[in-house]
Amino acid sequence: SYRVPKSAIRESLIDEQEGADILIV
């Protein structure tokens, strides 16, 4: 949701922890 910015940021940081090489917004 565009109204929950903290969750949006957390999503990318979790993917980084899981081993992503590049993130996308």
PDBML (XML) file of the C-alpha atoms, coordinates in Angstrom:
<?xml version="1.0" encoding="UTF-8" ?>
<PDBx:datablock datablockName="MODEL"
   xmlns:PDBx="http://pdbml.pdb.org/schema/pdbx-v50.xsd"
   xmlns:xsi="http://www.w3.org/2001/XMLSchema-instance"
   xsi:schemaLocation="http://pdbml.pdb.org/schema/pdbx-v50.xsd pdbx-v50.xsd">
   <PDBx:atom_siteCategory>
      <PDBx:atom_site id="1">
         <PDBx:B_iso_or_equiv>0.00</PDBx:B_iso_or_equiv>
         <PDBx:Cartn_x>0.000</PDBx:Cartn_x>
         <PDBx:Cartn_y>0.000</PDBx:Cartn_y>
         <PDBx:Cartn_z>0.000</PDBx:Cartn_z>
         <PDBx:auth_asym_id>A</PDBx:auth_asym_id>
         <PDBx:auth_atom_id>CA</PDBx:auth_atom_id>
         <PDBx:auth_comp_id>SER</PDBx:auth_comp_id>
         <PDBx:auth_seq_id>1</PDBx:auth_seq_id>
         <PDBx:group_PDB>ATOM</PDBx:group_PDB>
         <PDBx:label_alt_id xsi:nil="true" />
         <PDBx:label_asym_id>A</PDBx:label_asym_id>
         <PDBx:label_atom_id>CA</PDBx:label_atom_id>
         <PDBx:label_comp_id>SER</PDBx:label_comp_id>
         <PDBx:label_entity_id>1</PDBx:label_entity_id>
         <PDBx:label_seq_id>1</PDBx:label_seq_id>
         <PDBx:occupancy>1.00</PDBx:occupancy>
         <PDBx:pdbx_PDB_model_num>1</PDBx:pdbx_PDB_model_num>
         <PDBx:type_symbol>C</PDBx:type_symbol>
      </PDBx:atom_site>
      <PDBx:atom_site id="2">
         <PDBx:B_iso_or_equiv>0.00</PDBx:B_iso_or_equiv>
         <PDBx:Cartn_x>1.285</PDBx:Cartn_x>
         <PDBx:Cartn_y>3.473</PDBx:Cartn_y>
         <PDBx:Cartn_z>-0.834</PDBx:Cartn_z>
         <PDBx:auth_asym_id>A</PDBx:auth_asym_id>
         <PDBx:auth_atom_id>CA</PDBx:auth_atom_id>
         <PDBx:auth_comp_id>TYR</PDBx:auth_comp_id>
         <PDBx:auth_seq_id>2</PDBx:auth_seq_id>
         <PDBx:group_PDB>ATOM</PDBx:group_PDB>
         <PDBx:label_alt_id xsi:nil="true" />
         <PDBx:label_asym_id>A</PDBx:label_asym_id>
         <PDBx:label_atom_id>CA</PDBx:label_atom_id>
         <PDBx:label_comp_id>TYR</PDBx:label_comp_id>
         <PDBx:label_entity_id>1</PDBx:label_entity_id>
         <PDBx:label_seq_id>2</PDBx:label_seq_id>
         <PDBx:occupancy>1.00</PDBx:occupancy>
         <PDBx:pdbx_PDB_model_num>1</PDBx:pdbx_PDB_model_num>
         <PDBx:type_symbol>C</PDBx:type_symbol>
      </PDBx:atom_site>
      <PDBx:atom_site id="3">
         <PDBx:B_iso_or_equiv>0.00</PDBx:B_iso_or_equiv>
         <PDBx:Cartn_x>-0.045</PDBx:Cartn_x>
         <PDBx:Cartn_y>4.533</PDBx:Cartn_y>
         <PDBx:Cartn_z>2.571</PDBx:Cartn_z>
         <PDBx:auth_asym_id>A</PDBx:auth_asym_id>
         <PDBx:auth_atom_id>CA</PDBx:auth_atom_id>
         <PDBx:auth_comp_id>ARG</PDBx:auth_comp_id>
         <PDBx:auth_seq_id>3</PDBx:auth_seq_id>
         <PDBx:group_PDB>ATOM</PDBx:group_PDB>
         <PDBx:label_alt_id xsi:nil="true" />
         <PDBx:label_asym_id>A</PDBx:label_asym_id>
         <PDBx:label_atom_id>CA</PDBx:label_atom_id>
         <PDBx:label_comp_id>ARG</PDBx:label_comp_id>
         <PDBx:label_entity_id>1</PDBx:label_entity_id>
         <PDBx:label_seq_id>3</PDBx:label_seq_id>
         <PDBx:occupancy>1.00</PDBx:occupancy>
         <PDBx:pdbx_PDB_model_num>1</PDBx:pdbx_PDB_model_num>
         <PDBx:type_symbol>C</PDBx:type_symbol>
      </PDBx:atom_site>
      <PDBx:atom_site id="4">
         <PDBx:B_iso_or_equiv>0.00</PDBx:B_iso_or_equiv>
         <PDBx:Cartn_x>2.290</PDBx:Cartn_x>
         <PDBx:Cartn_y>2.214</PDBx:Cartn_y>
         <PDBx:Cartn_z>4.548</PDBx:Cartn_z>
         <PDBx:auth_asym_id>A</PDBx:auth_asym_id>
         <PDBx:auth_atom_id>CA</PDBx:auth_atom_id>
         <PDBx:auth_comp_id>VAL</PDBx:auth_comp_id>
         <PDBx:auth_seq_id>4</PDBx:auth_seq_id>
         <PDBx:group_PDB>ATOM</PDBx:group_PDB>
         <PDBx:label_alt_id xsi:nil="true" />
         <PDBx:label_asym_id>A</PDBx:label_asym_id>
         <PDBx:label_atom_id>CA</PDBx:label_atom_id>
         <PDBx:label_comp_id>VAL</PDBx:label_comp_id>
         <PDBx:label_entity_id>1</PDBx:label_entity_id>
         <PDBx:label_seq_id>4</PDBx:label_seq_id>
         <PDBx:occupancy>1.00</PDBx:occupancy>
         <PDBx:pdbx_PDB_model_num>1</PDBx:pdbx_PDB_model_num>
         <PDBx:type_symbol>C</PDBx:type_symbol>
      </PDBx:atom_site>
      <PDBx:atom_site id="5">
         <PDBx:B_iso_or_equiv>0.00</PDBx:B_iso_or_equiv>
         <PDBx:Cartn_x>5.799</PDBx:Cartn_x>
         <PDBx:Cartn_y>3.477</PDBx:Cartn_y>
         <PDBx:Cartn_z>3.740</PDBx:Cartn_z>
         <PDBx:auth_asym_id>A</PDBx:auth_asym_id>
         <PDBx:auth_atom_id>CA</PDBx:auth_atom_id>
         <PDBx:auth_comp_id>PRO</PDBx:auth_comp_id>
         <PDBx:auth_seq_id>5</PDBx:auth_seq_id>
         <PDBx:group_PDB>ATOM</PDBx:group_PDB>
         <PDBx:label_alt_id xsi:nil="true" />
         <PDBx:label_asym_id>A</PDBx:label_asym_id>
         <PDBx:label_atom_id>CA</PDBx:label_atom_id>
         <PDBx:label_comp_id>PRO</PDBx:label_comp_id>
         <PDBx:label_entity_id>1</PDBx:label_entity_id>
         <PDBx:label_seq_id>5</PDBx:label_seq_id>
         <PDBx:occupancy>1.00</PDBx:occupancy>
         <PDBx:pdbx_PDB_model_num>1</PDBx:pdbx_PDB_model_num>
         <PDBx:type_symbol>C</PDBx:type_symbol>
      </PDBx:atom_site>
      <PDBx:atom_site id="6">
         <PDBx:B_iso_or_equiv>0.00</PDBx:B_iso_or_equiv>
         <PDBx:Cartn_x>7.527</PDBx:Cartn_x>
         <PDBx:Cartn_y>1.669</PDBx:Cartn_y>
         <PDBx:Cartn_z>6.617</PDBx:Cartn_z>
         <PDBx:auth_asym_id>A</PDBx:auth_asym_id>
         <PDBx:auth_atom_id>CA</PDBx:auth_atom_id>
         <PDBx:auth_comp_id>LYS</PDBx:auth_comp_id>
         <PDBx:auth_seq_id>6</PDBx:auth_seq_id>
         <PDBx:group_PDB>ATOM</PDBx:group_PDB>
         <PDBx:label_alt_id xsi:nil="true" />
         <PDBx:label_asym_id>A</PDBx:label_asym_id>
         <PDBx:label_atom_id>CA</PDBx:label_atom_id>
         <PDBx:label_comp_id>LYS</PDBx:label_comp_id>
         <PDBx:label_entity_id>1</PDBx:label_entity_id>
         <PDBx:label_seq_id>6</PDBx:label_seq_id>
         <PDBx:occupancy>1.00</PDBx:occupancy>
         <PDBx:pdbx_PDB_model_num>1</PDBx:pdbx_PDB_model_num>
         <PDBx:type_symbol>C</PDBx:type_symbol>
      </PDBx:atom_site>
      <PDBx:atom_site id="7">
         <PDBx:B_iso_or_equiv>0.00</PDBx:B_iso_or_equiv>
         <PDBx:Cartn_x>6.315</PDBx:Cartn_x>
         <PDBx:Cartn_y>-1.696</PDBx:Cartn_y>
         <PDBx:Cartn_z>5.329</PDBx:Cartn_z>
         <PDBx:auth_asym_id>A</PDBx:auth_asym_id>
         <PDBx:auth_atom_id>CA</PDBx:auth_atom_id>
         <PDBx:auth_comp_id>SER</PDBx:auth_comp_id>
         <PDBx:auth_seq_id>7</PDBx:auth_seq_id>
         <PDBx:group_PDB>ATOM</PDBx:group_PDB>
         <PDBx:label_alt_id xsi:nil="true" />
         <PDBx:label_asym_id>A</PDBx:label_asym_id>
         <PDBx:label_atom_id>CA</PDBx:label_atom_id>
         <PDBx:label_comp_id>SER</PDBx:label_comp_id>
         <PDBx:label_entity_id>1</PDBx:label_entity_id>
         <PDBx:label_seq_id>7</PDBx:label_seq_id>
         <PDBx:occupancy>1.00</PDBx:occupancy>
         <PDBx:pdbx_PDB_model_num>1</PDBx:pdbx_PDB_model_num>
         <PDBx:type_symbol>C</PDBx:type_symbol>
      </PDBx:atom_site>
      <PDBx:atom_site id="8">
         <PDBx:B_iso_or_equiv>0.00</PDBx:B_iso_or_equiv>
         <PDBx:Cartn_x>7.409</PDBx:Cartn_x>
         <PDBx:Cartn_y>-0.781</PDBx:Cartn_y>
         <PDBx:Cartn_z>1.792</PDBx:Cartn_z>
         <PDBx:auth_asym_id>A</PDBx:auth_asym_id>
         <PDBx:auth_atom_id>CA</PDBx:auth_atom_id>
         <PDBx:auth_comp_id>ALA</PDBx:auth_comp_id>
         <PDBx:auth_seq_id>8</PDBx:auth_seq_id>
         <PDBx:group_PDB>ATOM</PDBx:group_PDB>
         <PDBx:label_alt_id xsi:nil="true" />
         <PDBx:label_asym_id>A</PDBx:label_asym_id>
         <PDBx:label_atom_id>CA</PDBx:label_atom_id>
         <PDBx:label_comp_id>ALA</PDBx:label_comp_id>
         <PDBx:label_entity_id>1</PDBx:label_entity_id>
         <PDBx:label_seq_id>8</PDBx:label_seq_id>
         <PDBx:occupancy>1.00</PDBx:occupancy>
         <PDBx:pdbx_PDB_model_num>1</PDBx:pdbx_PDB_model_num>
         <PDBx:type_symbol>C</PDBx:type_symbol>
      </PDBx:atom_site>
      <PDBx:atom_site id="9">
         <PDBx:B_iso_or_equiv>0.00</PDBx:B_iso_or_equiv>
         <PDBx:Cartn_x>10.935</PDBx:Cartn_x>
         <PDBx:Cartn_y>-0.102</PDBx:Cartn_y>
         <PDBx:Cartn_z>2.979</PDBx:Cartn_z>
         <PDBx:auth_asym_id>A</PDBx:auth_asym_id>
         <PDBx:auth_atom_id>CA</PDBx:auth_atom_id>
         <PDBx:auth_comp_id>ILE</PDBx:auth_comp_id>
         <PDBx:auth_seq_id>9</PDBx:auth_seq_id>
         <PDBx:group_PDB>ATOM</PDBx:group_PDB>
         <PDBx:label_alt_id xsi:nil="true" />
         <PDBx:label_asym_id>A</PDBx:label_asym_id>
         <PDBx:label_atom_id>CA</PDBx:label_atom_id>
         <PDBx:label_comp_id>ILE</PDBx:label_comp_id>
         <PDBx:label_entity_id>1</PDBx:label_entity_id>
         <PDBx:label_seq_id>9</PDBx:label_seq_id>
         <PDBx:occupancy>1.00</PDBx:occupancy>
         <PDBx:pdbx_PDB_model_num>1</PDBx:pdbx_PDB_model_num>
         <PDBx:type_symbol>C</PDBx:type_symbol>
      </PDBx:atom_site>
      <PDBx:atom_site id="10">
         <PDBx:B_iso_or_equiv>0.00</PDBx:B_iso_or_equiv>
         <PDBx:Cartn_x>10.990</PDBx:Cartn_x>
         <PDBx:Cartn_y>-3.248</PDBx:Cartn_y>
         <PDBx:Cartn_z>5.105</PDBx:Cartn_z>
         <PDBx:auth_asym_id>A</PDBx:auth_asym_id>
         <PDBx:auth_atom_id>CA</PDBx:auth_atom_id>
         <PDBx:auth_comp_id>ARG</PDBx:auth_comp_id>
         <PDBx:auth_seq_id>10</PDBx:auth_seq_id>
         <PDBx:group_PDB>ATOM</PDBx:group_PDB>
         <PDBx:label_alt_id xsi:nil="true" />
         <PDBx:label_asym_id>A</PDBx:label_asym_id>
         <PDBx:label_atom_id>CA</PDBx:label_atom_id>
         <PDBx:label_comp_id>ARG</PDBx:label_comp_id>
         <PDBx:label_entity_id>1</PDBx:label_entity_id>
         <PDBx:label_seq_id>10</PDBx:label_seq_id>
         <PDBx:occupancy>1.00</PDBx:occupancy>
         <PDBx:pdbx_PDB_model_num>1</PDBx:pdbx_PDB_model_num>
         <PDBx:type_symbol>C</PDBx:type_symbol>
      </PDBx:atom_site>
      <PDBx:atom_site id="11">
         <PDBx:B_iso_or_equiv>0.00</PDBx:B_iso_or_equiv>
         <PDBx:Cartn_x>10.065</PDBx:Cartn_x>
         <PDBx:Cartn_y>-5.372</PDBx:Cartn_y>
         <PDBx:Cartn_z>2.071</PDBx:Cartn_z>
         <PDBx:auth_asym_id>A</PDBx:auth_asym_id>
         <PDBx:auth_atom_id>CA</PDBx:auth_atom_id>
         <PDBx:auth_comp_id>GLU</PDBx:auth_comp_id>
         <PDBx:auth_seq_id>11</PDBx:auth_seq_id>
         <PDBx:group_PDB>ATOM</PDBx:group_PDB>
         <PDBx:label_alt_id xsi:nil="true" />
         <PDBx:label_asym_id>A</PDBx:label_asym_id>
         <PDBx:label_atom_id>CA</PDBx:label_atom_id>
         <PDBx:label_comp_id>GLU</PDBx:label_comp_id>
         <PDBx:label_entity_id>1</PDBx:label_entity_id>
         <PDBx:label_seq_id>11</PDBx:label_seq_id>
         <PDBx:occupancy>1.00</PDBx:occupancy>
         <PDBx:pdbx_PDB_model_num>1</PDBx:pdbx_PDB_model_num>
         <PDBx:type_symbol>C</PDBx:type_symbol>
      </PDBx:atom_site>
      <PDBx:atom_site id="12">
         <PDBx:B_iso_or_equiv>0.00</PDBx:B_iso_or_equiv>
         <PDBx:Cartn_x>13.254</PDBx:Cartn_x>
         <PDBx:Cartn_y>-4.375</PDBx:Cartn_y>
         <PDBx:Cartn_z>0.247</PDBx:Cartn_z>
         <PDBx:auth_asym_id>A</PDBx:auth_asym_id>
         <PDBx:auth_atom_id>CA</PDBx:auth_atom_id>
         <PDBx:auth_comp_id>SER</PDBx:auth_comp_id>
         <PDBx:auth_seq_id>12</PDBx:auth_seq_id>
         <PDBx:group_PDB>ATOM</PDBx:group_PDB>
         <PDBx:label_alt_id xsi:nil="true" />
         <PDBx:label_asym_id>A</PDBx:label_asym_id>
         <PDBx:label_atom_id>CA</PDBx:label_atom_id>
         <PDBx:label_comp_id>SER</PDBx:label_comp_id>
         <PDBx:label_entity_id>1</PDBx:label_entity_id>
         <PDBx:label_seq_id>12</PDBx:label_seq_id>
         <PDBx:occupancy>1.00</PDBx:occupancy>
         <PDBx:pdbx_PDB_model_num>1</PDBx:pdbx_PDB_model_num>
         <PDBx:type_symbol>C</PDBx:type_symbol>
      </PDBx:atom_site>
      <PDBx:atom_site id="13">
         <PDBx:B_iso_or_equiv>0.00</PDBx:B_iso_or_equiv>
         <PDBx:Cartn_x>15.462</PDBx:Cartn_x>
         <PDBx:Cartn_y>-4.842</PDBx:Cartn_y>
         <PDBx:Cartn_z>3.287</PDBx:Cartn_z>
         <PDBx:auth_asym_id>A</PDBx:auth_asym_id>
         <PDBx:auth_atom_id>CA</PDBx:auth_atom_id>
         <PDBx:auth_comp_id>LEU</PDBx:auth_comp_id>
         <PDBx:auth_seq_id>13</PDBx:auth_seq_id>
         <PDBx:group_PDB>ATOM</PDBx:group_PDB>
         <PDBx:label_alt_id xsi:nil="true" />
         <PDBx:label_asym_id>A</PDBx:label_asym_id>
         <PDBx:label_atom_id>CA</PDBx:label_atom_id>
         <PDBx:label_comp_id>LEU</PDBx:label_comp_id>
         <PDBx:label_entity_id>1</PDBx:label_entity_id>
         <PDBx:label_seq_id>13</PDBx:label_seq_id>
         <PDBx:occupancy>1.00</PDBx:occupancy>
         <PDBx:pdbx_PDB_model_num>1</PDBx:pdbx_PDB_model_num>
         <PDBx:type_symbol>C</PDBx:type_symbol>
      </PDBx:atom_site>
      <PDBx:atom_site id="14">
         <PDBx:B_iso_or_equiv>0.00</PDBx:B_iso_or_equiv>
         <PDBx:Cartn_x>14.093</PDBx:Cartn_x>
         <PDBx:Cartn_y>-8.367</PDBx:Cartn_y>
         <PDBx:Cartn_z>3.767</PDBx:Cartn_z>
         <PDBx:auth_asym_id>A</PDBx:auth_asym_id>
         <PDBx:auth_atom_id>CA</PDBx:auth_atom_id>
         <PDBx:auth_comp_id>ILE</PDBx:auth_comp_id>
         <PDBx:auth_seq_id>14</PDBx:auth_seq_id>
         <PDBx:group_PDB>ATOM</PDBx:group_PDB>
         <PDBx:label_alt_id xsi:nil="true" />
         <PDBx:label_asym_id>A</PDBx:label_asym_id>
         <PDBx:label_atom_id>CA</PDBx:label_atom_id>
         <PDBx:label_comp_id>ILE</PDBx:label_comp_id>
         <PDBx:label_entity_id>1</PDBx:label_entity_id>
         <PDBx:label_seq_id>14</PDBx:label_seq_id>
         <PDBx:occupancy>1.00</PDBx:occupancy>
         <PDBx:pdbx_PDB_model_num>1</PDBx:pdbx_PDB_model_num>
         <PDBx:type_symbol>C</PDBx:type_symbol>
      </PDBx:atom_site>
      <PDBx:atom_site id="15">
         <PDBx:B_iso_or_equiv>0.00</PDBx:B_iso_or_equiv>
         <PDBx:Cartn_x>14.886</PDBx:Cartn_x>
         <PDBx:Cartn_y>-9.208</PDBx:Cartn_y>
         <PDBx:Cartn_z>0.133</PDBx:Cartn_z>
         <PDBx:auth_asym_id>A</PDBx:auth_asym_id>
         <PDBx:auth_atom_id>CA</PDBx:auth_atom_id>
         <PDBx:auth_comp_id>ASP</PDBx:auth_comp_id>
         <PDBx:auth_seq_id>15</PDBx:auth_seq_id>
         <PDBx:group_PDB>ATOM</PDBx:group_PDB>
         <PDBx:label_alt_id xsi:nil="true" />
         <PDBx:label_asym_id>A</PDBx:label_asym_id>
         <PDBx:label_atom_id>CA</PDBx:label_atom_id>
         <PDBx:label_comp_id>ASP</PDBx:label_comp_id>
         <PDBx:label_entity_id>1</PDBx:label_entity_id>
         <PDBx:label_seq_id>15</PDBx:label_seq_id>
         <PDBx:occupancy>1.00</PDBx:occupancy>
         <PDBx:pdbx_PDB_model_num>1</PDBx:pdbx_PDB_model_num>
         <PDBx:type_symbol>C</PDBx:type_symbol>
      </PDBx:atom_site>
      <PDBx:atom_site id="16">
         <PDBx:B_iso_or_equiv>0.00</PDBx:B_iso_or_equiv>
         <PDBx:Cartn_x>18.412</PDBx:Cartn_x>
         <PDBx:Cartn_y>-7.963</PDBx:Cartn_y>
         <PDBx:Cartn_z>0.701</PDBx:Cartn_z>
         <PDBx:auth_asym_id>A</PDBx:auth_asym_id>
         <PDBx:auth_atom_id>CA</PDBx:auth_atom_id>
         <PDBx:auth_comp_id>GLU</PDBx:auth_comp_id>
         <PDBx:auth_seq_id>16</PDBx:auth_seq_id>
         <PDBx:group_PDB>ATOM</PDBx:group_PDB>
         <PDBx:label_alt_id xsi:nil="true" />
         <PDBx:label_asym_id>A</PDBx:label_asym_id>
         <PDBx:label_atom_id>CA</PDBx:label_atom_id>
         <PDBx:label_comp_id>GLU</PDBx:label_comp_id>
         <PDBx:label_entity_id>1</PDBx:label_entity_id>
         <PDBx:label_seq_id>16</PDBx:label_seq_id>
         <PDBx:occupancy>1.00</PDBx:occupancy>
         <PDBx:pdbx_PDB_model_num>1</PDBx:pdbx_PDB_model_num>
         <PDBx:type_symbol>C</PDBx:type_symbol>
      </PDBx:atom_site>
      <PDBx:atom_site id="17">
         <PDBx:B_iso_or_equiv>0.00</PDBx:B_iso_or_equiv>
         <PDBx:Cartn_x>18.737</PDBx:Cartn_x>
         <PDBx:Cartn_y>-10.316</PDBx:Cartn_y>
         <PDBx:Cartn_z>3.668</PDBx:Cartn_z>
         <PDBx:auth_asym_id>A</PDBx:auth_asym_id>
         <PDBx:auth_atom_id>CA</PDBx:auth_atom_id>
         <PDBx:auth_comp_id>GLN</PDBx:auth_comp_id>
         <PDBx:auth_seq_id>17</PDBx:auth_seq_id>
         <PDBx:group_PDB>ATOM</PDBx:group_PDB>
         <PDBx:label_alt_id xsi:nil="true" />
         <PDBx:label_asym_id>A</PDBx:label_asym_id>
         <PDBx:label_atom_id>CA</PDBx:label_atom_id>
         <PDBx:label_comp_id>GLN</PDBx:label_comp_id>
         <PDBx:label_entity_id>1</PDBx:label_entity_id>
         <PDBx:label_seq_id>17</PDBx:label_seq_id>
         <PDBx:occupancy>1.00</PDBx:occupancy>
         <PDBx:pdbx_PDB_model_num>1</PDBx:pdbx_PDB_model_num>
         <PDBx:type_symbol>C</PDBx:type_symbol>
      </PDBx:atom_site>
      <PDBx:atom_site id="18">
         <PDBx:B_iso_or_equiv>0.00</PDBx:B_iso_or_equiv>
         <PDBx:Cartn_x>17.383</PDBx:Cartn_x>
         <PDBx:Cartn_y>-13.203</PDBx:Cartn_y>
         <PDBx:Cartn_z>1.584</PDBx:Cartn_z>
         <PDBx:auth_asym_id>A</PDBx:auth_asym_id>
         <PDBx:auth_atom_id>CA</PDBx:auth_atom_id>
         <PDBx:auth_comp_id>GLU</PDBx:auth_comp_id>
         <PDBx:auth_seq_id>18</PDBx:auth_seq_id>
         <PDBx:group_PDB>ATOM</PDBx:group_PDB>
         <PDBx:label_alt_id xsi:nil="true" />
         <PDBx:label_asym_id>A</PDBx:label_asym_id>
         <PDBx:label_atom_id>CA</PDBx:label_atom_id>
         <PDBx:label_comp_id>GLU</PDBx:label_comp_id>
         <PDBx:label_entity_id>1</PDBx:label_entity_id>
         <PDBx:label_seq_id>18</PDBx:label_seq_id>
         <PDBx:occupancy>1.00</PDBx:occupancy>
         <PDBx:pdbx_PDB_model_num>1</PDBx:pdbx_PDB_model_num>
         <PDBx:type_symbol>C</PDBx:type_symbol>
      </PDBx:atom_site>
      <PDBx:atom_site id="19">
         <PDBx:B_iso_or_equiv>0.00</PDBx:B_iso_or_equiv>
         <PDBx:Cartn_x>20.134</PDBx:Cartn_x>
         <PDBx:Cartn_y>-12.779</PDBx:Cartn_y>
         <PDBx:Cartn_z>-1.009</PDBx:Cartn_z>
         <PDBx:auth_asym_id>A</PDBx:auth_asym_id>
         <PDBx:auth_atom_id>CA</PDBx:auth_atom_id>
         <PDBx:auth_comp_id>GLY</PDBx:auth_comp_id>
         <PDBx:auth_seq_id>19</PDBx:auth_seq_id>
         <PDBx:group_PDB>ATOM</PDBx:group_PDB>
         <PDBx:label_alt_id xsi:nil="true" />
         <PDBx:label_asym_id>A</PDBx:label_asym_id>
         <PDBx:label_atom_id>CA</PDBx:label_atom_id>
         <PDBx:label_comp_id>GLY</PDBx:label_comp_id>
         <PDBx:label_entity_id>1</PDBx:label_entity_id>
         <PDBx:label_seq_id>19</PDBx:label_seq_id>
         <PDBx:occupancy>1.00</PDBx:occupancy>
         <PDBx:pdbx_PDB_model_num>1</PDBx:pdbx_PDB_model_num>
         <PDBx:type_symbol>C</PDBx:type_symbol>
      </PDBx:atom_site>
      <PDBx:atom_site id="20">
         <PDBx:B_iso_or_equiv>0.00</PDBx:B_iso_or_equiv>
         <PDBx:Cartn_x>18.861</PDBx:Cartn_x>
         <PDBx:Cartn_y>-10.451</PDBx:Cartn_y>
         <PDBx:Cartn_z>-3.728</PDBx:Cartn_z>
         <PDBx:auth_asym_id>A</PDBx:auth_asym_id>
         <PDBx:auth_atom_id>CA</PDBx:auth_atom_id>
         <PDBx:auth_comp_id>ALA</PDBx:auth_comp_id>
         <PDBx:auth_seq_id>20</PDBx:auth_seq_id>
         <PDBx:group_PDB>ATOM</PDBx:group_PDB>
         <PDBx:label_alt_id xsi:nil="true" />
         <PDBx:label_asym_id>A</PDBx:label_asym_id>
         <PDBx:label_atom_id>CA</PDBx:label_atom_id>
         <PDBx:label_comp_id>ALA</PDBx:label_comp_id>
         <PDBx:label_entity_id>1</PDBx:label_entity_id>
         <PDBx:label_seq_id>20</PDBx:label_seq_id>
         <PDBx:occupancy>1.00</PDBx:occupancy>
         <PDBx:pdbx_PDB_model_num>1</PDBx:pdbx_PDB_model_num>
         <PDBx:type_symbol>C</PDBx:type_symbol>
      </PDBx:atom_site>
      <PDBx:atom_site id="21">
         <PDBx:B_iso_or_equiv>0.00</PDBx:B_iso_or_equiv>
         <PDBx:Cartn_x>21.565</PDBx:Cartn_x>
         <PDBx:Cartn_y>-9.005</PDBx:Cartn_y>
         <PDBx:Cartn_z>-5.966</PDBx:Cartn_z>
         <PDBx:auth_asym_id>A</PDBx:auth_asym_id>
         <PDBx:auth_atom_id>CA</PDBx:auth_atom_id>
         <PDBx:auth_comp_id>ASP</PDBx:auth_comp_id>
         <PDBx:auth_seq_id>21</PDBx:auth_seq_id>
         <PDBx:group_PDB>ATOM</PDBx:group_PDB>
         <PDBx:label_alt_id xsi:nil="true" />
         <PDBx:label_asym_id>A</PDBx:label_asym_id>
         <PDBx:label_atom_id>CA</PDBx:label_atom_id>
         <PDBx:label_comp_id>ASP</PDBx:label_comp_id>
         <PDBx:label_entity_id>1</PDBx:label_entity_id>
         <PDBx:label_seq_id>21</PDBx:label_seq_id>
         <PDBx:occupancy>1.00</PDBx:occupancy>
         <PDBx:pdbx_PDB_model_num>1</PDBx:pdbx_PDB_model_num>
         <PDBx:type_symbol>C</PDBx:type_symbol>
      </PDBx:atom_site>
      <PDBx:atom_site id="22">
         <PDBx:B_iso_or_equiv>0.00</PDBx:B_iso_or_equiv>
         <PDBx:Cartn_x>19.594</PDBx:Cartn_x>
         <PDBx:Cartn_y>-5.919</PDBx:Cartn_y>
         <PDBx:Cartn_z>-7.049</PDBx:Cartn_z>
         <PDBx:auth_asym_id>A</PDBx:auth_asym_id>
         <PDBx:auth_atom_id>CA</PDBx:auth_atom_id>
         <PDBx:auth_comp_id>ILE</PDBx:auth_comp_id>
         <PDBx:auth_seq_id>22</PDBx:auth_seq_id>
         <PDBx:group_PDB>ATOM</PDBx:group_PDB>
         <PDBx:label_alt_id xsi:nil="true" />
         <PDBx:label_asym_id>A</PDBx:label_asym_id>
         <PDBx:label_atom_id>CA</PDBx:label_atom_id>
         <PDBx:label_comp_id>ILE</PDBx:label_comp_id>
         <PDBx:label_entity_id>1</PDBx:label_entity_id>
         <PDBx:label_seq_id>22</PDBx:label_seq_id>
         <PDBx:occupancy>1.00</PDBx:occupancy>
         <PDBx:pdbx_PDB_model_num>1</PDBx:pdbx_PDB_model_num>
         <PDBx:type_symbol>C</PDBx:type_symbol>
      </PDBx:atom_site>
      <PDBx:atom_site id="23">
         <PDBx:B_iso_or_equiv>0.00</PDBx:B_iso_or_equiv>
         <PDBx:Cartn_x>16.412</PDBx:Cartn_x>
         <PDBx:Cartn_y>-4.409</PDBx:Cartn_y>
         <PDBx:Cartn_z>-5.607</PDBx:Cartn_z>
         <PDBx:auth_asym_id>A</PDBx:auth_asym_id>
         <PDBx:auth_atom_id>CA</PDBx:auth_atom_id>
         <PDBx:auth_comp_id>LEU</PDBx:auth_comp_id>
         <PDBx:auth_seq_id>23</PDBx:auth_seq_id>
         <PDBx:group_PDB>ATOM</PDBx:group_PDB>
         <PDBx:label_alt_id xsi:nil="true" />
         <PDBx:label_asym_id>A</PDBx:label_asym_id>
         <PDBx:label_atom_id>CA</PDBx:label_atom_id>
         <PDBx:label_comp_id>LEU</PDBx:label_comp_id>
         <PDBx:label_entity_id>1</PDBx:label_entity_id>
         <PDBx:label_seq_id>23</PDBx:label_seq_id>
         <PDBx:occupancy>1.00</PDBx:occupancy>
         <PDBx:pdbx_PDB_model_num>1</PDBx:pdbx_PDB_model_num>
         <PDBx:type_symbol>C</PDBx:type_symbol>
      </PDBx:atom_site>
      <PDBx:atom_site id="24">
         <PDBx:B_iso_or_equiv>0.00</PDBx:B_iso_or_equiv>
         <PDBx:Cartn_x>13.540</PDBx:Cartn_x>
         <PDBx:Cartn_y>-2.769</PDBx:Cartn_y>
         <PDBx:Cartn_z>-7.510</PDBx:Cartn_z>
         <PDBx:auth_asym_id>A</PDBx:auth_asym_id>
         <PDBx:auth_atom_id>CA</PDBx:auth_atom_id>
         <PDBx:auth_comp_id>ILE</PDBx:auth_comp_id>
         <PDBx:auth_seq_id>24</PDBx:auth_seq_id>
         <PDBx:group_PDB>ATOM</PDBx:group_PDB>
         <PDBx:label_alt_id xsi:nil="true" />
         <PDBx:label_asym_id>A</PDBx:label_asym_id>
         <PDBx:label_atom_id>CA</PDBx:label_atom_id>
         <PDBx:label_comp_id>ILE</PDBx:label_comp_id>
         <PDBx:label_entity_id>1</PDBx:label_entity_id>
         <PDBx:label_seq_id>24</PDBx:label_seq_id>
         <PDBx:occupancy>1.00</PDBx:occupancy>
         <PDBx:pdbx_PDB_model_num>1</PDBx:pdbx_PDB_model_num>
         <PDBx:type_symbol>C</PDBx:type_symbol>
      </PDBx:atom_site>
      <PDBx:atom_site id="25">
         <PDBx:B_iso_or_equiv>0.00</PDBx:B_iso_or_equiv>
         <PDBx:Cartn_x>11.034</PDBx:Cartn_x>
         <PDBx:Cartn_y>-0.120</PDBx:Cartn_y>
         <PDBx:Cartn_z>-6.474</PDBx:Cartn_z>
         <PDBx:auth_asym_id>A</PDBx:auth_asym_id>
         <PDBx:auth_atom_id>CA</PDBx:auth_atom_id>
         <PDBx:auth_comp_id>VAL</PDBx:auth_comp_id>
         <PDBx:auth_seq_id>25</PDBx:auth_seq_id>
         <PDBx:group_PDB>ATOM</PDBx:group_PDB>
         <PDBx:label_alt_id xsi:nil="true" />
         <PDBx:label_asym_id>A</PDBx:label_asym_id>
         <PDBx:label_atom_id>CA</PDBx:label_atom_id>
         <PDBx:label_comp_id>VAL</PDBx:label_comp_id>
         <PDBx:label_entity_id>1</PDBx:label_entity_id>
         <PDBx:label_seq_id>25</PDBx:label_seq_id>
         <PDBx:occupancy>1.00</PDBx:occupancy>
         <PDBx:pdbx_PDB_model_num>1</PDBx:pdbx_PDB_model_num>
         <PDBx:type_symbol>C</PDBx:type_symbol>
      </PDBx:atom_site>
   </PDBx:atom_siteCategory>
</PDBx:datablock>
